[in-house]
Amino acid sequence: MKIMESVGGELLRLPSGLRERLLHVLADLAEAEQDPARRDFLKGFPFAIGMAGAEES
């Protein structure tokens, strides 16, 4: 969990254009993923680290 928090913190420091690109890439990966657990992880990751949610509200 500590590693995930560290990675999340670094990703939140990305410039907004790169954060947006990352969100799109994660969404594309989730859509293409066959494994339900991996798909759920990819969909939930941006919310788990705080990258998504504020934009959606």
PDB file of N, CA and C in Angstrom:
ATOM      1  N   MET A   1       0.826  -1.188   0.000  1.00  0.00           N
ATOM      2  CA  MET A   1       0.000   0.000   0.000  1.00  0.00           C
ATOM      3  C   MET A   1       0.870   1.251   0.000  1.00  0.00           C
ATOM      4  N   LYS A   2       1.968   1.212   0.700  1.00  0.00           N
ATOM      5  CA  LYS A   2       2.868   2.370   0.765  1.00  0.00           C
ATOM      6  C   LYS A   2       3.382   2.731  -0.627  1.00  0.00           C
ATOM      7  N   ILE A   3       3.711   1.736  -1.429  1.00  0.00           N
ATOM      8  CA  ILE A   3       4.199   1.986  -2.786  1.00  0.00           C
ATOM      9  C   ILE A   3       3.103   2.637  -3.618  1.00  0.00           C
ATOM     10  N   MET A   4       1.864   2.150  -3.486  1.00  0.00           N
ATOM     11  CA  MET A   4       0.745   2.709  -4.242  1.00  0.00           C
ATOM     12  C   MET A   4       0.538   4.177  -3.883  1.00  0.00           C
ATOM     13  N   GLU A   5       0.648   4.513  -2.605  1.00  0.00           N
ATOM     14  CA  GLU A   5       0.498   5.907  -2.179  1.00  0.00           C
ATOM     15  C   GLU A   5       1.604   6.767  -2.767  1.00  0.00           C
ATOM     16  N   SER A   6       2.817   6.243  -2.776  1.00  0.00           N
ATOM     17  CA  SER A   6       3.954   6.979  -3.320  1.00  0.00           C
ATOM     18  C   SER A   6       3.778   7.217  -4.815  1.00  0.00           C
ATOM     19  N   VAL A   7       3.394   6.186  -5.534  1.00  0.00           N
ATOM     20  CA  VAL A   7       3.168   6.308  -6.978  1.00  0.00           C
ATOM     21  C   VAL A   7       2.031   7.291  -7.233  1.00  0.00           C
ATOM     22  N   GLY A   8       0.966   7.161  -6.475  1.00  0.00           N
ATOM     23  CA  GLY A   8      -0.169   8.067  -6.634  1.00  0.00           C
ATOM     24  C   GLY A   8       0.222   9.512  -6.410  1.00  0.00           C
ATOM     25  N   GLY A   9       1.032   9.756  -5.400  1.00  0.00           N
ATOM     26  CA  GLY A   9       1.498  11.113  -5.129  1.00  0.00           C
ATOM     27  C   GLY A   9       2.299  11.686  -6.278  1.00  0.00           C
ATOM     28  N   GLU A  10       3.149  10.874  -6.861  1.00  0.00           N
ATOM     29  CA  GLU A  10       3.948  11.337  -8.002  1.00  0.00           C
ATOM     30  C   GLU A  10       3.065  11.601  -9.219  1.00  0.00           C
ATOM     31  N   LEU A  11       2.096  10.732  -9.460  1.00  0.00           N
ATOM     32  CA  LEU A  11       1.210  10.921 -10.611  1.00  0.00           C
ATOM     33  C   LEU A  11       0.372  12.186 -10.470  1.00  0.00           C
ATOM     34  N   LEU A  12       0.005  12.532  -9.243  1.00  0.00           N
ATOM     35  CA  LEU A  12      -0.771  13.751  -9.022  1.00  0.00           C
ATOM     36  C   LEU A  12       0.042  15.007  -9.307  1.00  0.00           C
ATOM     37  N   ARG A  13       1.356  14.889  -9.336  1.00  0.00           N
ATOM     38  CA  ARG A  13       2.229  16.031  -9.625  1.00  0.00           C
ATOM     39  C   ARG A  13       2.434  16.256 -11.125  1.00  0.00           C
ATOM     40  N   LEU A  14       1.926  15.358 -11.942  1.00  0.00           N
ATOM     41  CA  LEU A  14       2.059  15.517 -13.391  1.00  0.00           C
ATOM     42  C   LEU A  14       1.319  16.772 -13.849  1.00  0.00           C
ATOM     43  N   PRO A  15       1.799  17.409 -14.902  1.00  0.00           N
ATOM     44  CA  PRO A  15       1.041  18.522 -15.489  1.00  0.00           C
ATOM     45  C   PRO A  15      -0.345  18.032 -15.925  1.00  0.00           C
ATOM     46  N   SER A  16      -1.309  18.920 -15.934  1.00  0.00           N
ATOM     47  CA  SER A  16      -2.699  18.520 -16.194  1.00  0.00           C
ATOM     48  C   SER A  16      -2.877  17.784 -17.523  1.00  0.00           C
ATOM     49  N   GLY A  17      -2.159  18.179 -18.559  1.00  0.00           N
ATOM     50  CA  GLY A  17      -2.277  17.495 -19.847  1.00  0.00           C
ATOM     51  C   GLY A  17      -1.837  16.048 -19.777  1.00  0.00           C
ATOM     52  N   LEU A  18      -0.767  15.799 -19.042  1.00  0.00           N
ATOM     53  CA  LEU A  18      -0.286  14.418 -18.894  1.00  0.00           C
ATOM     54  C   LEU A  18      -1.212  13.603 -18.004  1.00  0.00           C
ATOM     55  N   ARG A  19      -1.778  14.229 -16.965  1.00  0.00           N
ATOM     56  CA  ARG A  19      -2.749  13.518 -16.116  1.00  0.00           C
ATOM     57  C   ARG A  19      -3.961  13.106 -16.944  1.00  0.00           C
ATOM     58  N   GLU A  20      -4.432  14.026 -17.780  1.00  0.00           N
ATOM     59  CA  GLU A  20      -5.586  13.731 -18.630  1.00  0.00           C
ATOM     60  C   GLU A  20      -5.269  12.585 -19.592  1.00  0.00           C
ATOM     61  N   ARG A  21      -4.087  12.626 -20.176  1.00  0.00           N
ATOM     62  CA  ARG A  21      -3.658  11.555 -21.093  1.00  0.00           C
ATOM     63  C   ARG A  21      -3.604  10.218 -20.362  1.00  0.00           C
ATOM     64  N   LEU A  22      -3.058  10.213 -19.151  1.00  0.00           N
ATOM     65  CA  LEU A  22      -2.980   8.986 -18.359  1.00  0.00           C
ATOM     66  C   LEU A  22      -4.374   8.442 -18.073  1.00  0.00           C
ATOM     67  N   LEU A  23      -5.311   9.311 -17.728  1.00  0.00           N
ATOM     68  CA  LEU A  23      -6.682   8.865 -17.473  1.00  0.00           C
ATOM     69  C   LEU A  23      -7.290   8.213 -18.709  1.00  0.00           C
ATOM     70  N   HIS A  24      -7.028   8.784 -19.877  1.00  0.00           N
ATOM     71  CA  HIS A  24      -7.540   8.200 -21.126  1.00  0.00           C
ATOM     72  C   HIS A  24      -6.890   6.846 -21.408  1.00  0.00           C
ATOM     73  N   VAL A  25      -5.592   6.749 -21.188  1.00  0.00           N
ATOM     74  CA  VAL A  25      -4.887   5.478 -21.414  1.00  0.00           C
ATOM     75  C   VAL A  25      -5.413   4.404 -20.466  1.00  0.00           C
ATOM     76  N   LEU A  26      -5.600   4.752 -19.194  1.00  0.00           N
ATOM     77  CA  LEU A  26      -6.131   3.781 -18.234  1.00  0.00           C
ATOM     78  C   LEU A  26      -7.534   3.332 -18.634  1.00  0.00           C
ATOM     79  N   ALA A  27      -8.359   4.258 -19.106  1.00  0.00           N
ATOM     80  CA  ALA A  27      -9.712   3.903 -19.552  1.00  0.00           C
ATOM     81  C   ALA A  27      -9.657   2.975 -20.761  1.00  0.00           C
ATOM     82  N   ASP A  28      -8.760   3.264 -21.695  1.00  0.00           N
ATOM     83  CA  ASP A  28      -8.608   2.400 -22.870  1.00  0.00           C
ATOM     84  C   ASP A  28      -8.123   1.010 -22.473  1.00  0.00           C
ATOM     85  N   LEU A  29      -7.164   0.954 -21.560  1.00  0.00           N
ATOM     86  CA  LEU A  29      -6.662  -0.340 -21.091  1.00  0.00           C
ATOM     87  C   LEU A  29      -7.763  -1.128 -20.391  1.00  0.00           C
ATOM     88  N   ALA A  30      -8.555  -0.449 -19.564  1.00  0.00           N
ATOM     89  CA  ALA A  30      -9.643  -1.119 -18.849  1.00  0.00           C
ATOM     90  C   ALA A  30     -10.665  -1.684 -19.829  1.00  0.00           C
ATOM     91  N   GLU A  31     -10.968  -0.918 -20.854  1.00  0.00           N
ATOM     92  CA  GLU A  31     -11.941  -1.365 -21.852  1.00  0.00           C
ATOM     93  C   GLU A  31     -11.462  -2.616 -22.587  1.00  0.00           C
ATOM     94  N   ALA A  32     -10.165  -2.687 -22.843  1.00  0.00           N
ATOM     95  CA  ALA A  32      -9.603  -3.815 -23.586  1.00  0.00           C
ATOM     96  C   ALA A  32      -9.286  -5.021 -22.699  1.00  0.00           C
ATOM     97  N   GLU A  33      -9.238  -4.829 -21.396  1.00  0.00           N
ATOM     98  CA  GLU A  33      -8.825  -5.895 -20.472  1.00  0.00           C
ATOM     99  C   GLU A  33      -9.887  -6.986 -20.383  1.00  0.00           C
ATOM    100  N   GLN A  34      -9.447  -8.234 -20.509  1.00  0.00           N
ATOM    101  CA  GLN A  34     -10.344  -9.388 -20.432  1.00  0.00           C
ATOM    102  C   GLN A  34     -10.559  -9.875 -19.001  1.00  0.00           C
ATOM    103  N   ASP A  35      -9.554  -9.718 -18.161  1.00  0.00           N
ATOM    104  CA  ASP A  35      -9.638 -10.189 -16.781  1.00  0.00           C
ATOM    105  C   ASP A  35     -10.452  -9.185 -15.951  1.00  0.00           C
ATOM    106  N   PRO A  36     -11.560  -9.634 -15.349  1.00  0.00           N
ATOM    107  CA  PRO A  36     -12.413  -8.709 -14.595  1.00  0.00           C
ATOM    108  C   PRO A  36     -11.699  -8.007 -13.433  1.00  0.00           C
ATOM    109  N   ALA A  37     -10.821  -8.709 -12.740  1.00  0.00           N
ATOM    110  CA  ALA A  37     -10.111  -8.094 -11.615  1.00  0.00           C
ATOM    111  C   ALA A  37      -9.171  -6.989 -12.095  1.00  0.00           C
ATOM    112  N   ARG A  38      -8.464  -7.249 -13.172  1.00  0.00           N
ATOM    113  CA  ARG A  38      -7.571  -6.219 -13.728  1.00  0.00           C
ATOM    114  C   ARG A  38      -8.371  -5.044 -14.270  1.00  0.00           C
ATOM    115  N   ARG A  39      -9.485  -5.344 -14.929  1.00  0.00           N
ATOM    116  CA  ARG A  39     -10.339  -4.285 -15.468  1.00  0.00           C
ATOM    117  C   ARG A  39     -10.843  -3.381 -14.335  1.00  0.00           C
ATOM    118  N   ASP A  40     -11.295  -3.997 -13.240  1.00  0.00           N
ATOM    119  CA  ASP A  40     -11.768  -3.222 -12.091  1.00  0.00           C
ATOM    120  C   ASP A  40     -10.647  -2.381 -11.489  1.00  0.00           C
ATOM    121  N   PHE A  41      -9.447  -2.956 -11.406  1.00  0.00           N
ATOM    122  CA  PHE A  41      -8.305  -2.202 -10.882  1.00  0.00           C
ATOM    123  C   PHE A  41      -8.024  -0.987 -11.759  1.00  0.00           C
ATOM    124  N   LEU A  42      -7.967  -1.195 -13.071  1.00  0.00           N
ATOM    125  CA  LEU A  42      -7.678  -0.095 -13.994  1.00  0.00           C
ATOM    126  C   LEU A  42      -8.752   0.987 -13.929  1.00  0.00           C
ATOM    127  N   LYS A  43     -10.001   0.584 -13.800  1.00  0.00           N
ATOM    128  CA  LYS A  43     -11.088   1.559 -13.697  1.00  0.00           C
ATOM    129  C   LYS A  43     -11.037   2.316 -12.372  1.00  0.00           C
ATOM    130  N   GLY A  44     -10.672   1.628 -11.305  1.00  0.00           N
ATOM    131  CA  GLY A  44     -10.692   2.233  -9.979  1.00  0.00           C
ATOM    132  C   GLY A  44      -9.439   2.987  -9.593  1.00  0.00           C
ATOM    133  N   PHE A  45      -8.329   2.721 -10.260  1.00  0.00           N
ATOM    134  CA  PHE A  45      -7.050   3.324  -9.884  1.00  0.00           C
ATOM    135  C   PHE A  45      -7.090   4.849  -9.833  1.00  0.00           C
ATOM    136  N   PRO A  46      -7.607   5.527 -10.866  1.00  0.00           N
ATOM    137  CA  PRO A  46      -7.618   7.000 -10.807  1.00  0.00           C
ATOM    138  C   PRO A  46      -8.410   7.540  -9.614  1.00  0.00           C
ATOM    139  N   PHE A  47      -9.476   6.863  -9.230  1.00  0.00           N
ATOM    140  CA  PHE A  47     -10.271   7.290  -8.081  1.00  0.00           C
ATOM    141  C   PHE A  47      -9.532   7.007  -6.780  1.00  0.00           C
ATOM    142  N   ALA A  48      -8.848   5.871  -6.735  1.00  0.00           N
ATOM    143  CA  ALA A  48      -8.138   5.464  -5.524  1.00  0.00           C
ATOM    144  C   ALA A  48      -7.020   6.430  -5.156  1.00  0.00           C
ATOM    145  N   ILE A  49      -6.397   7.041  -6.162  1.00  0.00           N
ATOM    146  CA  ILE A  49      -5.290   7.958  -5.869  1.00  0.00           C
ATOM    147  C   ILE A  49      -5.701   9.421  -5.956  1.00  0.00           C
ATOM    148  N   GLY A  50      -6.972   9.683  -6.241  1.00  0.00           N
ATOM    149  CA  GLY A  50      -7.461  11.056  -6.263  1.00  0.00           C
ATOM    150  C   GLY A  50      -7.308  11.782  -7.585  1.00  0.00           C
ATOM    151  N   MET A  51      -6.963  11.068  -8.656  1.00  0.00           N
ATOM    152  CA  MET A  51      -6.834  11.715  -9.968  1.00  0.00           C
ATOM    153  C   MET A  51      -8.192  11.963 -10.600  1.00  0.00           C
ATOM    154  N   ALA A  52      -9.144  11.139 -10.300  1.00  0.00           N
ATOM    155  CA  ALA A  52     -10.484  11.273 -10.862  1.00  0.00           C
ATOM    156  C   ALA A  52     -11.443  11.560  -9.720  1.00  0.00           C
ATOM    157  N   GLY A  53     -12.587  12.028 -10.077  1.00  0.00           N
ATOM    158  CA  GLY A  53     -13.576  12.345  -9.054  1.00  0.00           C
ATOM    159  C   GLY A  53     -13.840  13.830  -9.040  1.00  0.00           C
ATOM    160  N   ALA A  54     -12.787  14.619  -8.872  1.00  0.00           N
ATOM    161  CA  ALA A  54     -12.941  16.074  -8.885  1.00  0.00           C
ATOM    162  C   ALA A  54     -13.381  16.539 -10.265  1.00  0.00           C
ATOM    163  N   GLU A  55     -12.804  15.941 -11.316  1.00  0.00           N
ATOM    164  CA  GLU A  55     -13.174  16.314 -12.672  1.00  0.00           C
ATOM    165  C   GLU A  55     -14.587  15.851 -12.995  1.00  0.00           C
ATOM    166  N   GLU A  56     -14.977  14.703 -12.436  1.00  0.00           N
ATOM    167  CA  GLU A  56     -16.278  14.116 -12.717  1.00  0.00           C
ATOM    168  C   GLU A  56     -17.402  14.841 -11.993  1.00  0.00           C
ATOM    169  N   SER A  57     -17.106  15.480 -10.881  1.00  0.00           N
ATOM    170  CA  SER A  57     -18.141  16.130 -10.064  1.00  0.00           C
ATOM    171  C   SER A  57     -18.666  17.383 -10.709  1.00  0.00           C
TER     172      SER A  57
END
